[in-house]
């Protein structure tokens, strides 16, 4: 039986590149994510996800409706905002819905890292045609905290949500997304991935 858990929340996020891994790296979760989009119009996008928690050895399937497109981007505030409704679905329903996807399938490993003020960095290491891309997102409880946030040194420059949203990435070829990042960033990402694989974190 499918779960009927549903909730509405506002996302207030910033996305960063990753300069390096901190020496005192603490990981609280490692998630294997497989996702695709199944609907999009001018104000709404629907995403489905399979999430495997490697630490808890659990798997869940999530159906997400986001309003105002995949992200509403405020250039002056440099914050991405969206409202979303999430619900749990069954494995069977996920497998049925993904047959009608309107995007590429994105696969990534998400490493969740706690930082100051009870905030968390969700560092995504992408796979398959997006291999070599790393992004780090932080979700904030409100805009004031987001506007006053001072990032830790190991995080790099802010990344453009309009250019590198998951919706946009899911509709790009490898050649297209590589043009959106620098060669130095890709080289640095490869070093980070090697370190994480050596430590068996991914």
Protein backbone atom coordinates (compact mmCIF):
# COMPACT_ATOMS: atom_id res chain seq x y z
CA UNK A 1 0.00 0.00 0.00
CA UNK A 2 1.28 3.48 -0.86
CA UNK A 3 1.91 5.90 1.96
CA UNK A 4 -0.26 9.01 2.01
CA UNK A 5 2.23 11.28 3.77
CA UNK A 6 2.08 14.70 2.12
CA UNK A 7 3.37 18.09 3.14
CA UNK A 8 3.87 21.55 1.71
CA UNK A 9 7.08 23.39 2.33
CA UNK A 10 8.98 26.35 0.97
CA UNK A 11 12.48 25.75 -0.29
CA UNK A 12 15.01 28.52 0.22
CA UNK A 13 18.33 27.35 -1.15
CA UNK A 14 21.77 28.36 -2.34
CA UNK A 15 23.98 26.23 -4.56
CA UNK A 16 27.79 26.25 -4.51
CA UNK A 17 30.77 24.65 -6.16
CA UNK A 18 33.14 22.72 -3.87
CA UNK A 19 36.74 23.90 -3.49
CA UNK A 20 37.97 21.04 -1.33
CA UNK A 21 36.89 18.69 1.43
CA UNK A 22 37.39 19.92 5.00
CA UNK A 23 39.88 17.99 7.14
CA UNK A 24 37.23 17.46 9.80
CA UNK A 25 34.68 16.19 7.29
CA UNK A 26 31.69 14.69 9.10
CA UNK A 27 29.11 12.78 7.10
CA UNK A 28 25.69 12.11 8.60
CA UNK A 29 24.01 10.56 5.56
CA UNK A 30 24.92 9.02 2.21
CA UNK A 31 22.03 8.78 -0.24
CA UNK A 32 21.92 7.14 -3.65
CA UNK A 33 19.38 9.07 -5.71
CA UNK A 34 17.75 8.16 -9.01
CA UNK A 35 15.31 10.73 -10.35
CA UNK A 36 13.43 11.90 -13.41
CA UNK A 37 10.82 14.49 -14.33
CA UNK A 38 7.42 13.39 -15.57
CA UNK A 39 5.64 16.74 -16.13
CA UNK A 40 6.42 20.42 -16.66
CA UNK A 41 4.53 23.57 -17.54
CA UNK A 42 5.20 27.27 -16.91
CA UNK A 43 4.45 27.08 -13.19
CA UNK A 44 4.77 23.44 -12.18
CA UNK A 45 7.25 20.61 -12.40
CA UNK A 46 6.74 17.05 -11.16
CA UNK A 47 9.69 14.90 -10.15
CA UNK A 48 9.96 11.31 -8.95
CA UNK A 49 12.85 9.95 -6.91
CA UNK A 50 14.21 6.69 -5.62
CA UNK A 51 16.35 7.35 -2.53
CA UNK A 52 18.53 4.66 -0.98
CA UNK A 53 20.06 5.53 2.40
CA UNK A 54 23.37 3.67 2.61
CA UNK A 55 23.76 4.24 6.34
CA UNK A 56 20.27 3.13 7.31
CA UNK A 57 19.91 0.57 4.51
CA UNK A 58 16.49 1.92 3.56
CA UNK A 59 14.80 2.78 0.25
CA UNK A 60 11.96 5.22 -0.34
CA UNK A 61 10.16 6.54 -3.39
CA UNK A 62 9.10 10.20 -3.48
CA UNK A 63 6.64 12.06 -5.74
CA UNK A 64 7.29 15.82 -5.69
CA UNK A 65 5.26 18.67 -7.14
CA UNK A 66 7.13 22.01 -7.28
CA UNK A 67 5.35 25.26 -8.01
CA UNK A 68 6.55 28.18 -10.16
CA UNK A 69 8.60 25.93 -12.38
CA UNK A 70 11.67 24.09 -11.20
CA UNK A 71 12.97 27.16 -9.36
CA UNK A 72 12.14 30.84 -8.99
CA UNK A 73 15.45 32.67 -9.01
CA UNK A 74 15.85 36.09 -7.41
CA UNK A 75 18.88 37.75 -8.97
CA UNK A 76 19.18 40.49 -6.36
CA UNK A 77 18.89 38.14 -3.41
CA UNK A 78 20.80 35.31 -5.11
CA UNK A 79 18.47 32.74 -3.56
CA UNK A 80 16.42 30.03 -5.23
CA UNK A 81 12.88 29.60 -3.92
CA UNK A 82 10.10 27.15 -4.65
CA UNK A 83 7.11 25.61 -2.93
CA UNK A 84 6.81 21.87 -3.05
CA UNK A 85 4.45 19.10 -2.03
CA UNK A 86 5.95 15.68 -1.44
CA UNK A 87 4.36 12.28 -0.95
CA UNK A 88 5.63 8.73 -0.66
CA UNK A 89 4.75 6.28 -3.41
CA UNK A 90 5.33 2.57 -3.88
CA UNK A 91 8.16 1.01 -5.85
CA UNK A 92 5.59 -0.25 -8.35
CA UNK A 93 4.17 3.24 -8.86
CA UNK A 94 7.68 4.69 -9.30
CA UNK A 95 8.52 2.09 -11.95
CA UNK A 96 5.25 2.81 -13.73
CA UNK A 97 5.71 6.60 -13.71
CA UNK A 98 9.32 6.57 -14.85
CA UNK A 99 8.26 4.93 -18.11
CA UNK A 100 6.64 8.26 -19.02
CA UNK A 101 9.59 10.48 -18.08
CA UNK A 102 10.12 13.67 -20.08
CA UNK A 103 13.79 14.04 -19.13
CA UNK A 104 16.99 12.11 -18.80
CA UNK A 105 17.35 10.05 -15.65
CA UNK A 106 19.70 11.71 -13.18
CA UNK A 107 21.72 9.49 -10.84
CA UNK A 108 23.81 10.93 -8.06
CA UNK A 109 25.28 10.27 -4.65
CA UNK A 110 24.26 12.82 -2.02
CA UNK A 111 26.57 13.30 0.95
CA UNK A 112 24.98 15.23 3.83
CA UNK A 113 27.44 17.29 5.88
CA UNK A 114 26.49 19.29 8.99
CA UNK A 115 27.82 22.83 9.33
CA UNK A 116 27.25 25.72 11.74
CA UNK A 117 23.85 26.97 12.92
CA UNK A 118 22.25 23.55 12.44
CA UNK A 119 22.54 23.89 8.66
CA UNK A 120 23.49 21.05 6.34
CA UNK A 121 25.40 20.90 3.06
CA UNK A 122 23.94 18.42 0.59
CA UNK A 123 26.86 17.63 -1.71
CA UNK A 124 25.76 15.88 -4.91
CA UNK A 125 28.25 13.80 -6.89
CA UNK A 126 26.65 13.10 -10.26
CA UNK A 127 27.02 9.94 -12.31
CA UNK A 128 26.61 8.68 -15.88
CA UNK A 129 26.39 11.52 -18.45
CA UNK A 130 26.81 14.07 -15.62
CA UNK A 131 29.92 12.38 -14.21
CA UNK A 132 32.43 14.99 -13.09
CA UNK A 133 29.83 17.46 -11.82
CA UNK A 134 29.62 18.24 -8.12
CA UNK A 135 27.22 20.71 -6.52
CA UNK A 136 26.61 21.64 -2.90
CA UNK A 137 23.22 22.94 -1.77
CA UNK A 138 22.21 24.47 1.53
CA UNK A 139 18.55 24.84 2.49
CA UNK A 140 17.69 27.69 4.87
CA UNK A 141 14.74 28.05 7.26
CA UNK A 142 14.12 31.65 6.10
CA UNK A 143 15.44 34.34 3.75
CA UNK A 144 17.12 36.39 6.49
CA UNK A 145 19.36 33.49 7.46
CA UNK A 146 20.09 32.82 3.79
CA UNK A 147 20.99 36.46 3.10
CA UNK A 148 23.31 36.65 6.13
CA UNK A 149 24.95 33.29 5.56
CA UNK A 150 28.75 33.20 5.33
CA UNK A 151 29.83 30.04 3.60
CA UNK A 152 32.68 27.88 4.92
CA UNK A 153 35.95 28.24 3.01
CA UNK A 154 35.76 24.76 1.53
CA UNK A 155 32.72 25.78 -0.51
CA UNK A 156 33.41 27.66 -3.73
CA UNK A 157 31.51 30.24 -5.75
CA UNK A 158 27.75 30.25 -5.99
CA UNK A 159 26.34 28.38 -8.96
CA UNK A 160 23.56 29.68 -11.16
CA UNK A 161 20.26 27.90 -10.49
CA UNK A 162 18.85 28.99 -13.82
CA UNK A 163 21.71 27.36 -15.71
CA UNK A 164 22.34 24.30 -13.53
CA UNK A 165 19.00 23.36 -12.00
CA UNK A 166 18.28 19.64 -12.00
CA UNK A 167 15.54 20.26 -14.56
CA UNK A 168 18.00 21.95 -16.91
CA UNK A 169 20.65 19.27 -16.29
CA UNK A 170 18.14 16.53 -17.03
CA UNK A 171 17.64 17.96 -20.51
CA UNK A 172 21.29 18.53 -21.39
CA UNK A 173 23.84 16.38 -23.15
CA UNK A 174 27.28 15.89 -21.63
CA UNK A 175 28.71 18.38 -24.11
CA UNK A 176 26.13 21.00 -23.14
CA UNK A 177 26.57 20.94 -19.35
CA UNK A 178 30.36 20.83 -19.54
CA UNK A 179 30.25 24.23 -21.26
CA UNK A 180 28.56 25.65 -18.13
CA UNK A 181 31.51 24.89 -15.82
CA UNK A 182 35.22 25.65 -15.98
CA UNK A 183 37.98 23.15 -16.76
CA UNK A 184 39.54 24.00 -13.40
CA UNK A 185 36.29 23.08 -11.64
CA UNK A 186 36.09 19.72 -13.42
CA UNK A 187 39.70 18.96 -12.57
CA UNK A 188 39.10 19.86 -8.94
CA UNK A 189 35.94 17.75 -8.85
CA UNK A 190 37.87 14.70 -10.03
CA UNK A 191 40.29 15.10 -7.10
CA UNK A 192 37.39 15.31 -4.64
CA UNK A 193 35.76 12.21 -6.11
CA UNK A 194 39.03 10.27 -5.85
CA UNK A 195 39.37 11.19 -2.18
CA UNK A 196 35.79 10.16 -1.40
CA UNK A 197 36.17 6.85 -3.27
CA UNK A 198 39.44 6.15 -1.48
CA UNK A 199 37.69 6.64 1.84
CA UNK A 200 34.75 4.54 0.59
CA UNK A 201 32.28 7.35 1.13
CA UNK A 202 30.81 6.91 -2.34
